Structures are given as C-alpha cells and as structure tokens.
Amino acid sequence: MDSVRASLKPVYREPLLYNGFTNDSNALTSSNTRGYENQFHTEALIHKNSIGEAFRSKGEVQVSELLLNRKVEYVYEPKLSLPDGIVYPDFEIKLPGSTQSKYIEYCGMLENDSYLERTIKKIRSYLRGGKKIGRDVLFFFEDGDNGMDLQLIRRDLESFL
C-alpha cells in the first residue's frame, strides 16, 4: 500500500484570480501577509487554497474560497483573547464600514470525543466573551457520517456577511 501511495502524484492547478486576489503575497491582506499566530500543530497545515494559503482542513479551504470569491478579507487563526482564555478562530473577518470583527469556526471532526469537548469549550468561551452565535461568530459543523455541503455553507455564509 505504501508503494501505491508513493506513486500517486499530487494534484496541481493554477491559482484562480478572485476579483483582484492573486497568488502575489504583496496583493493579499489575509493570513500569509499578517503572520501565523497559532503554533499548535503547524505540521497539519497541509491543505491549500487556490492562492496557496495553507489550512488544516479541506472544509477551511472551502470557506476560504467562498470568502475570496466575495472579496472578503480574512485572517486565518488569529489570536483572540476571551475571558476564558485565548482561542484561535479559524477565520477573522472585518466587513467594509465596520470596526467589529466577525469570526468563523469550521468544526469538522465531531466524531472525535476530545475534538468535540474542545469545540464545546470554545463555544462557551465565545458566549462568555459576549459573542452572539450567528451574529458575531458562525459555526459550521461536520461529522464523519454526513460530510460537507458547500451549498449550505455558502447560504449560511451569505446570511452571516
């Protein structure tokens, strides 16, 4: 099996242009130019979006692509201080004309008990920090049985923005 895996070639594609976004790091204001604050398991940053940014999950890549498509600037896993401690939201976005940040969390391993416990703790931290679910922070949930539905993610993201 290892020899089969070793013989597989990775899939490459040219970066897409998203209304002015390119793979030129000088043109971006997302995580690649602002630094990466979360140092937890950086080796897990193996999935890339169309402009070459690295993410932990394919779901996060999909969210980043939707944000890029809408020309919404974001920061990936910024440091956020809440009363219960530090969290690293998957995405921080600021909408034009607003000084308030919004956050997006993609929770994709809910079948894992320790991951689920960390997710519940994170939700409580947001709530104790005065963040309203659906207004200040948007959660996407995926478990091992149901997969990801990009149409639902797009719909919920549109409402959130």
N, C-alpha and C. Protein backbone atom coordinates (compact mmCIF):
# COMPACT_ATOMS: atom_id res chain seq x y z
N MET A 1 0.81 -1.21 0.00
CA MET A 1 0.00 0.00 0.00
C MET A 1 0.85 1.27 0.00
N ASP A 2 1.94 1.25 0.77
CA ASP A 2 2.79 2.44 0.82
C ASP A 2 3.39 2.74 -0.55
N SER A 3 3.73 1.71 -1.30
CA SER A 3 4.29 1.95 -2.63
C SER A 3 3.26 2.55 -3.57
N VAL A 4 2.00 2.15 -3.39
CA VAL A 4 0.93 2.73 -4.21
C VAL A 4 0.78 4.21 -3.86
N ARG A 5 0.74 4.52 -2.56
CA ARG A 5 0.62 5.91 -2.14
C ARG A 5 1.79 6.74 -2.66
N ALA A 6 2.99 6.18 -2.57
CA ALA A 6 4.18 6.91 -3.00
C ALA A 6 4.17 7.20 -4.49
N SER A 7 3.50 6.36 -5.27
CA SER A 7 3.50 6.57 -6.72
C SER A 7 2.44 7.57 -7.17
N LEU A 8 1.53 7.93 -6.28
CA LEU A 8 0.49 8.90 -6.65
C LEU A 8 1.08 10.29 -6.73
N LYS A 9 0.69 11.01 -7.74
CA LYS A 9 1.18 12.37 -7.91
C LYS A 9 0.17 13.34 -7.32
N PRO A 10 0.66 14.39 -6.67
CA PRO A 10 -0.29 15.38 -6.15
C PRO A 10 -0.98 16.12 -7.28
N VAL A 11 -2.15 16.62 -6.99
CA VAL A 11 -2.91 17.37 -7.97
C VAL A 11 -2.53 18.83 -7.86
N TYR A 12 -2.19 19.42 -8.98
CA TYR A 12 -1.85 20.84 -9.01
C TYR A 12 -2.82 21.57 -9.92
N ARG A 13 -3.07 22.80 -9.63
CA ARG A 13 -3.84 23.63 -10.53
C ARG A 13 -3.34 25.05 -10.42
N GLU A 14 -3.52 25.78 -11.46
CA GLU A 14 -3.10 27.17 -11.47
C GLU A 14 -3.97 27.96 -10.50
N PRO A 15 -3.39 28.91 -9.78
CA PRO A 15 -4.22 29.73 -8.89
C PRO A 15 -5.27 30.50 -9.69
N LEU A 16 -6.46 30.54 -9.15
CA LEU A 16 -7.52 31.29 -9.79
C LEU A 16 -7.42 32.75 -9.39
N LEU A 17 -7.92 33.62 -10.20
CA LEU A 17 -7.99 35.03 -9.84
C LEU A 17 -9.38 35.30 -9.28
N TYR A 18 -9.44 35.83 -8.12
CA TYR A 18 -10.70 36.14 -7.47
C TYR A 18 -10.86 37.64 -7.39
N ASN A 19 -11.40 38.21 -8.41
CA ASN A 19 -11.71 39.65 -8.40
C ASN A 19 -10.57 40.48 -7.83
N GLY A 20 -9.38 40.27 -8.33
CA GLY A 20 -8.25 41.06 -7.87
C GLY A 20 -7.30 40.35 -6.95
N PHE A 21 -7.72 39.25 -6.32
CA PHE A 21 -6.81 38.47 -5.50
C PHE A 21 -5.94 37.64 -6.42
N THR A 22 -4.68 37.57 -6.13
CA THR A 22 -3.77 36.72 -6.91
C THR A 22 -2.90 35.96 -5.94
N ASN A 23 -1.98 35.19 -6.47
CA ASN A 23 -1.06 34.49 -5.58
C ASN A 23 0.14 35.34 -5.23
N ASP A 24 0.12 36.61 -5.57
CA ASP A 24 1.18 37.55 -5.20
C ASP A 24 0.96 37.95 -3.75
N SER A 25 1.90 37.57 -2.87
CA SER A 25 1.70 37.82 -1.44
C SER A 25 1.61 39.31 -1.13
N ASN A 26 2.15 40.17 -1.97
CA ASN A 26 2.05 41.61 -1.74
C ASN A 26 0.62 42.11 -1.97
N ALA A 27 -0.16 41.36 -2.73
CA ALA A 27 -1.52 41.79 -3.04
C ALA A 27 -2.52 41.31 -2.00
N LEU A 28 -2.09 40.47 -1.09
CA LEU A 28 -3.02 39.88 -0.14
C LEU A 28 -2.98 40.59 1.20
N THR A 29 -4.10 40.57 1.87
CA THR A 29 -4.13 41.06 3.25
C THR A 29 -4.59 39.95 4.17
N SER A 30 -4.58 38.74 3.69
CA SER A 30 -5.02 37.62 4.52
C SER A 30 -3.85 37.07 5.30
N SER A 31 -3.99 35.85 5.79
CA SER A 31 -3.05 35.31 6.76
C SER A 31 -1.61 35.26 6.28
N ASN A 32 -1.36 35.10 4.99
CA ASN A 32 0.02 34.99 4.53
C ASN A 32 0.81 36.26 4.75
N THR A 33 0.17 37.42 4.79
CA THR A 33 0.92 38.65 4.99
C THR A 33 0.86 39.15 6.43
N ARG A 34 -0.01 38.57 7.23
CA ARG A 34 -0.15 39.03 8.61
C ARG A 34 0.52 38.09 9.60
N GLY A 35 1.07 37.00 9.12
CA GLY A 35 1.73 36.07 10.03
C GLY A 35 0.76 35.03 10.54
N TYR A 36 1.32 33.98 11.06
CA TYR A 36 0.53 32.87 11.55
C TYR A 36 0.72 32.80 13.04
N GLU A 37 -0.33 33.11 13.80
CA GLU A 37 -0.21 33.25 15.24
C GLU A 37 -0.36 31.93 16.00
N ASN A 38 -1.12 30.99 15.46
CA ASN A 38 -1.36 29.74 16.16
C ASN A 38 -0.26 28.76 15.81
N GLN A 39 0.55 28.39 16.77
CA GLN A 39 1.67 27.47 16.54
C GLN A 39 1.32 26.03 16.91
N PHE A 40 0.05 25.73 17.15
CA PHE A 40 -0.40 24.39 17.52
C PHE A 40 -0.45 23.51 16.27
N HIS A 41 0.32 22.47 16.24
CA HIS A 41 0.34 21.50 15.14
C HIS A 41 0.45 22.16 13.76
N THR A 42 1.47 22.96 13.58
CA THR A 42 1.66 23.60 12.27
C THR A 42 1.94 22.58 11.17
N GLU A 43 2.38 21.39 11.55
CA GLU A 43 2.62 20.36 10.54
C GLU A 43 1.31 19.89 9.90
N ALA A 44 0.17 20.22 10.51
CA ALA A 44 -1.13 19.83 9.97
C ALA A 44 -1.64 20.79 8.90
N LEU A 45 -0.90 21.85 8.63
CA LEU A 45 -1.30 22.82 7.61
C LEU A 45 -0.94 22.26 6.23
N ILE A 46 -1.73 21.30 5.76
CA ILE A 46 -1.37 20.58 4.54
C ILE A 46 -2.31 20.83 3.37
N HIS A 47 -3.44 21.47 3.61
CA HIS A 47 -4.41 21.71 2.54
C HIS A 47 -4.25 23.15 2.06
N LYS A 48 -4.21 23.35 0.75
CA LYS A 48 -4.01 24.70 0.21
C LYS A 48 -5.19 25.15 -0.63
N ASN A 49 -5.46 26.45 -0.52
CA ASN A 49 -6.50 27.03 -1.37
C ASN A 49 -5.88 27.46 -2.71
N SER A 50 -6.68 28.08 -3.54
CA SER A 50 -6.24 28.39 -4.89
C SER A 50 -5.18 29.49 -4.97
N ILE A 51 -4.93 30.20 -3.87
CA ILE A 51 -3.86 31.21 -3.89
C ILE A 51 -2.69 30.79 -3.02
N GLY A 52 -2.66 29.51 -2.63
CA GLY A 52 -1.50 28.94 -1.97
C GLY A 52 -1.46 29.04 -0.46
N GLU A 53 -2.52 29.50 0.18
CA GLU A 53 -2.54 29.57 1.64
C GLU A 53 -2.79 28.17 2.21
N ALA A 54 -2.13 27.87 3.31
CA ALA A 54 -2.24 26.54 3.92
C ALA A 54 -3.28 26.54 5.05
N PHE A 55 -4.03 25.45 5.11
CA PHE A 55 -5.08 25.27 6.10
C PHE A 55 -5.01 23.87 6.69
N ARG A 56 -5.69 23.67 7.81
CA ARG A 56 -5.70 22.38 8.48
C ARG A 56 -6.70 21.40 7.86
N SER A 57 -7.76 21.92 7.25
CA SER A 57 -8.81 21.02 6.75
C SER A 57 -9.30 21.46 5.39
N LYS A 58 -9.90 20.51 4.69
CA LYS A 58 -10.49 20.82 3.39
C LYS A 58 -11.70 21.74 3.56
N GLY A 59 -12.40 21.59 4.68
CA GLY A 59 -13.54 22.47 4.95
C GLY A 59 -13.10 23.92 5.08
N GLU A 60 -11.98 24.15 5.76
CA GLU A 60 -11.45 25.51 5.89
C GLU A 60 -11.04 26.05 4.52
N VAL A 61 -10.49 25.20 3.68
CA VAL A 61 -10.14 25.62 2.32
C VAL A 61 -11.40 26.08 1.59
N GLN A 62 -12.48 25.33 1.72
CA GLN A 62 -13.73 25.69 1.05
C GLN A 62 -14.26 27.04 1.56
N VAL A 63 -14.20 27.25 2.86
CA VAL A 63 -14.64 28.53 3.42
C VAL A 63 -13.76 29.66 2.89
N SER A 64 -12.44 29.44 2.85
CA SER A 64 -11.54 30.48 2.34
C SER A 64 -11.87 30.81 0.89
N GLU A 65 -12.19 29.81 0.08
CA GLU A 65 -12.52 30.04 -1.32
C GLU A 65 -13.80 30.88 -1.45
N LEU A 66 -14.78 30.59 -0.61
CA LEU A 66 -16.02 31.38 -0.64
C LEU A 66 -15.74 32.82 -0.24
N LEU A 67 -14.90 33.02 0.77
CA LEU A 67 -14.55 34.38 1.19
C LEU A 67 -13.77 35.11 0.09
N LEU A 68 -12.83 34.42 -0.53
CA LEU A 68 -12.07 35.02 -1.63
C LEU A 68 -13.00 35.41 -2.78
N ASN A 69 -13.93 34.54 -3.08
CA ASN A 69 -14.89 34.81 -4.15
C ASN A 69 -15.70 36.08 -3.88
N ARG A 70 -16.01 36.32 -2.62
CA ARG A 70 -16.79 37.50 -2.22
C ARG A 70 -15.91 38.72 -1.95
N LYS A 71 -14.58 38.57 -2.13
CA LYS A 71 -13.62 39.64 -1.84
C LYS A 71 -13.67 40.06 -0.38
N VAL A 72 -13.90 39.11 0.50
CA VAL A 72 -13.91 39.37 1.94
C VAL A 72 -12.51 39.05 2.47
N GLU A 73 -11.87 40.05 3.04
CA GLU A 73 -10.55 39.85 3.60
C GLU A 73 -10.66 39.11 4.92
N TYR A 74 -9.70 38.24 5.17
CA TYR A 74 -9.73 37.44 6.39
C TYR A 74 -8.33 37.21 6.91
N VAL A 75 -8.28 36.81 8.16
CA VAL A 75 -7.05 36.35 8.79
C VAL A 75 -7.33 34.94 9.28
N TYR A 76 -6.43 34.03 9.00
CA TYR A 76 -6.59 32.64 9.41
C TYR A 76 -5.98 32.42 10.79
N GLU A 77 -6.76 31.86 11.67
CA GLU A 77 -6.38 31.53 13.04
C GLU A 77 -5.65 32.65 13.79
N PRO A 78 -6.28 33.83 13.88
CA PRO A 78 -5.66 34.89 14.68
C PRO A 78 -5.84 34.61 16.17
N LYS A 79 -5.05 35.24 16.97
CA LYS A 79 -5.15 35.10 18.42
C LYS A 79 -6.30 35.99 18.91
N LEU A 80 -7.21 35.42 19.68
CA LEU A 80 -8.35 36.16 20.21
C LEU A 80 -8.42 35.92 21.71
N SER A 81 -8.35 36.99 22.49
CA SER A 81 -8.46 36.90 23.95
C SER A 81 -9.92 36.98 24.37
N LEU A 82 -10.36 35.98 25.09
CA LEU A 82 -11.70 35.95 25.66
C LEU A 82 -11.55 35.76 27.16
N PRO A 83 -12.61 36.03 27.94
CA PRO A 83 -12.49 35.89 29.39
C PRO A 83 -12.01 34.52 29.86
N ASP A 84 -12.34 33.47 29.11
CA ASP A 84 -11.91 32.12 29.50
C ASP A 84 -10.50 31.79 29.02
N GLY A 85 -9.89 32.67 28.26
CA GLY A 85 -8.55 32.42 27.76
C GLY A 85 -8.42 32.74 26.28
N ILE A 86 -7.34 32.27 25.70
CA ILE A 86 -7.02 32.52 24.30
C ILE A 86 -7.67 31.46 23.43
N VAL A 87 -8.29 31.88 22.33
CA VAL A 87 -8.77 30.97 21.30
C VAL A 87 -8.19 31.43 19.96
N TYR A 88 -8.20 30.53 19.01
CA TYR A 88 -7.72 30.83 17.66
C TYR A 88 -8.85 30.50 16.69
N PRO A 89 -9.72 31.48 16.40
CA PRO A 89 -10.81 31.22 15.46
C PRO A 89 -10.23 30.81 14.10
N ASP A 90 -10.97 30.00 13.37
CA ASP A 90 -10.49 29.62 12.05
C ASP A 90 -10.32 30.85 11.15
N PHE A 91 -11.29 31.75 11.21
CA PHE A 91 -11.22 32.96 10.39
C PHE A 91 -11.70 34.16 11.18
N GLU A 92 -11.02 35.28 11.00
CA GLU A 92 -11.49 36.58 11.47
C GLU A 92 -11.74 37.41 10.22
N ILE A 93 -12.90 38.03 10.16
CA ILE A 93 -13.20 38.90 9.03
C ILE A 93 -13.68 40.25 9.55
N LYS A 94 -13.40 41.28 8.78
CA LYS A 94 -13.95 42.60 9.05
C LYS A 94 -14.64 43.05 7.78
N LEU A 95 -15.89 43.37 7.92
CA LEU A 95 -16.66 43.79 6.76
C LEU A 95 -16.43 45.28 6.51
N PRO A 96 -16.47 45.69 5.25
CA PRO A 96 -16.27 47.11 4.93
C PRO A 96 -17.23 48.00 5.72
N GLY A 97 -16.70 49.07 6.27
CA GLY A 97 -17.51 50.01 7.03
C GLY A 97 -17.76 49.60 8.47
N SER A 98 -17.17 48.50 8.91
CA SER A 98 -17.36 48.03 10.27
C SER A 98 -16.02 47.95 10.98
N THR A 99 -16.03 48.30 12.25
CA THR A 99 -14.81 48.16 13.05
C THR A 99 -14.81 46.85 13.84
N GLN A 100 -15.97 46.19 13.89
CA GLN A 100 -16.12 44.95 14.63
C GLN A 100 -15.66 43.76 13.80
N SER A 101 -14.98 42.85 14.44
CA SER A 101 -14.59 41.61 13.78
C SER A 101 -15.71 40.59 13.92
N LYS A 102 -15.79 39.72 12.93
CA LYS A 102 -16.66 38.55 12.98
C LYS A 102 -15.75 37.34 12.86
N TYR A 103 -16.23 36.21 13.35
CA TYR A 103 -15.40 35.01 13.37
C TYR A 103 -16.15 33.84 12.77
N ILE A 104 -15.39 32.97 12.13
CA ILE A 104 -15.95 31.76 11.54
C ILE A 104 -15.17 30.57 12.07
N GLU A 105 -15.90 29.56 12.52
CA GLU A 105 -15.31 28.33 13.01
C GLU A 105 -15.83 27.17 12.18
N TYR A 106 -14.93 26.38 11.63
CA TYR A 106 -15.31 25.18 10.90
C TYR A 106 -14.93 23.98 11.76
N CYS A 107 -15.92 23.26 12.24
CA CYS A 107 -15.71 22.14 13.15
C CYS A 107 -15.98 20.85 12.39
N GLY A 108 -14.91 20.15 12.05
CA GLY A 108 -15.07 19.04 11.12
C GLY A 108 -14.75 17.66 11.64
N MET A 109 -14.51 17.49 12.92
CA MET A 109 -14.18 16.15 13.42
C MET A 109 -15.01 15.84 14.67
N LEU A 110 -16.28 16.07 14.59
CA LEU A 110 -17.13 15.93 15.77
C LEU A 110 -17.27 14.48 16.23
N GLU A 111 -16.87 13.52 15.40
CA GLU A 111 -16.91 12.12 15.82
C GLU A 111 -15.79 11.80 16.80
N ASN A 112 -14.81 12.70 16.92
CA ASN A 112 -13.68 12.55 17.84
C ASN A 112 -14.07 13.20 19.17
N ASP A 113 -14.12 12.42 20.24
CA ASP A 113 -14.61 12.92 21.53
C ASP A 113 -13.80 14.10 22.07
N SER A 114 -12.48 14.05 21.98
CA SER A 114 -11.68 15.16 22.52
C SER A 114 -11.86 16.42 21.67
N TYR A 115 -12.02 16.25 20.36
CA TYR A 115 -12.29 17.40 19.49
C TYR A 115 -13.64 18.02 19.84
N LEU A 116 -14.63 17.17 20.05
CA LEU A 116 -15.96 17.65 20.42
C LEU A 116 -15.92 18.41 21.75
N GLU A 117 -15.18 17.90 22.73
CA GLU A 117 -15.04 18.59 24.01
C GLU A 117 -14.40 19.97 23.83
N ARG A 118 -13.35 20.04 23.01
CA ARG A 118 -12.69 21.33 22.75
C ARG A 118 -13.63 22.30 22.04
N THR A 119 -14.46 21.77 21.14
CA THR A 119 -15.43 22.61 20.42
C THR A 119 -16.46 23.17 21.39
N ILE A 120 -16.97 22.35 22.28
CA ILE A 120 -17.95 22.82 23.28
C ILE A 120 -17.32 23.89 24.17
N LYS A 121 -16.09 23.66 24.59
CA LYS A 121 -15.38 24.64 25.42
C LYS A 121 -15.21 25.96 24.66
N LYS A 122 -14.91 25.88 23.37
CA LYS A 122 -14.72 27.08 22.56
C LYS A 122 -16.03 27.85 22.41
N ILE A 123 -17.12 27.13 22.19
CA ILE A 123 -18.43 27.79 22.09
C ILE A 123 -18.76 28.52 23.39
N ARG A 124 -18.53 27.86 24.51
CA ARG A 124 -18.76 28.50 25.82
C ARG A 124 -17.90 29.74 25.99
N SER A 125 -16.65 29.68 25.54
CA SER A 125 -15.75 30.84 25.64
C SER A 125 -16.29 32.01 24.85
N TYR A 126 -16.75 31.75 23.64
CA TYR A 126 -17.34 32.83 22.83
C TYR A 126 -18.54 33.44 23.54
N LEU A 127 -19.42 32.60 24.05
CA LEU A 127 -20.63 33.09 24.72
C LEU A 127 -20.28 33.90 25.96
N ARG A 128 -19.34 33.41 26.77
CA ARG A 128 -18.93 34.14 27.97
C ARG A 128 -18.22 35.45 27.61
N GLY A 129 -17.65 35.49 26.43
CA GLY A 129 -16.99 36.70 25.95
C GLY A 129 -17.96 37.69 25.30
N GLY A 130 -19.25 37.40 25.37
CA GLY A 130 -20.26 38.31 24.84
C GLY A 130 -20.51 38.18 23.34
N LYS A 131 -19.97 37.15 22.74
CA LYS A 131 -20.17 36.94 21.31
C LYS A 131 -21.48 36.20 21.08
N LYS A 132 -22.24 36.68 20.12
CA LYS A 132 -23.52 36.05 19.78
C LYS A 132 -23.31 35.11 18.59
N ILE A 133 -23.78 33.87 18.76
CA ILE A 133 -23.70 32.89 17.69
C ILE A 133 -24.63 33.34 16.56
N GLY A 134 -24.12 33.36 15.36
CA GLY A 134 -24.91 33.77 14.20
C GLY A 134 -24.78 35.25 13.87
N ARG A 135 -24.37 36.05 14.84
CA ARG A 135 -24.14 37.47 14.59
C ARG A 135 -22.66 37.81 14.62
N ASP A 136 -21.97 37.35 15.67
CA ASP A 136 -20.54 37.64 15.84
C ASP A 136 -19.65 36.47 15.42
N VAL A 137 -20.17 35.28 15.56
CA VAL A 137 -19.40 34.08 15.23
C VAL A 137 -20.33 33.08 14.56
N LEU A 138 -19.83 32.48 13.49
CA LEU A 138 -20.59 31.50 12.73
C LEU A 138 -19.87 30.16 12.84
N PHE A 139 -20.60 29.13 13.24
CA PHE A 139 -20.05 27.79 13.35
C PHE A 139 -20.58 26.92 12.22
N PHE A 140 -19.68 26.17 11.61
CA PHE A 140 -20.05 25.12 10.67
C PHE A 140 -19.66 23.80 11.32
N PHE A 141 -20.57 22.83 11.27
CA PHE A 141 -20.32 21.53 11.88
C PHE A 141 -20.38 20.44 10.83
N GLU A 142 -19.40 19.56 10.90
CA GLU A 142 -19.36 18.40 10.00
C GLU A 142 -18.96 17.20 10.85
N ASP A 143 -19.64 16.08 10.64
CA ASP A 143 -19.21 14.87 11.32
C ASP A 143 -18.80 13.85 10.27
N GLY A 144 -18.26 12.76 10.70
CA GLY A 144 -17.76 11.76 9.79
C GLY A 144 -18.84 11.07 8.97
N ASP A 145 -20.10 11.20 9.38
CA ASP A 145 -21.18 10.50 8.68
C ASP A 145 -21.85 11.34 7.60
N ASN A 146 -21.90 12.65 7.79
CA ASN A 146 -22.71 13.48 6.89
C ASN A 146 -21.93 14.28 5.88
N GLY A 147 -20.64 14.44 6.06
CA GLY A 147 -19.85 15.17 5.09
C GLY A 147 -20.14 16.66 5.05
N MET A 148 -19.68 17.28 3.99
CA MET A 148 -19.77 18.73 3.84
C MET A 148 -20.74 19.05 2.71
N ASP A 149 -21.55 20.07 2.90
CA ASP A 149 -22.48 20.54 1.87
C ASP A 149 -22.14 22.00 1.58
N LEU A 150 -21.43 22.22 0.49
CA LEU A 150 -20.96 23.56 0.16
C LEU A 150 -22.10 24.53 -0.11
N GLN A 151 -23.23 24.04 -0.61
CA GLN A 151 -24.37 24.92 -0.83
C GLN A 151 -24.90 25.47 0.48
N LEU A 152 -24.96 24.63 1.51
CA LEU A 152 -25.42 25.10 2.83
C LEU A 152 -24.41 26.07 3.44
N ILE A 153 -23.13 25.78 3.28
CA ILE A 153 -22.10 26.67 3.80
C ILE A 153 -22.21 28.04 3.12
N ARG A 154 -22.37 28.05 1.81
CA ARG A 154 -22.49 29.31 1.07
C ARG A 154 -23.72 30.09 1.54
N ARG A 155 -24.85 29.39 1.70
CA ARG A 155 -26.07 30.06 2.15
C ARG A 155 -25.89 30.69 3.52
N ASP A 156 -25.35 29.92 4.47
CA ASP A 156 -25.16 30.44 5.82
C ASP A 156 -24.13 31.58 5.85
N LEU A 157 -23.10 31.45 5.05
CA LEU A 157 -22.09 32.50 4.98
C LEU A 157 -22.66 33.78 4.42
N GLU A 158 -23.49 33.68 3.39
CA GLU A 158 -24.15 34.87 2.81
C GLU A 158 -24.98 35.57 3.85
N SER A 159 -25.74 34.82 4.64
CA SER A 159 -26.57 35.42 5.70
C SER A 159 -25.71 36.09 6.76
N PHE A 160 -24.58 35.49 7.08
CA PHE A 160 -23.70 35.98 8.11
C PHE A 160 -23.02 37.28 7.69
N LEU A 161 -22.66 37.37 6.42
CA LEU A 161 -21.97 38.56 5.93
C LEU A 161 -22.95 39.70 5.74
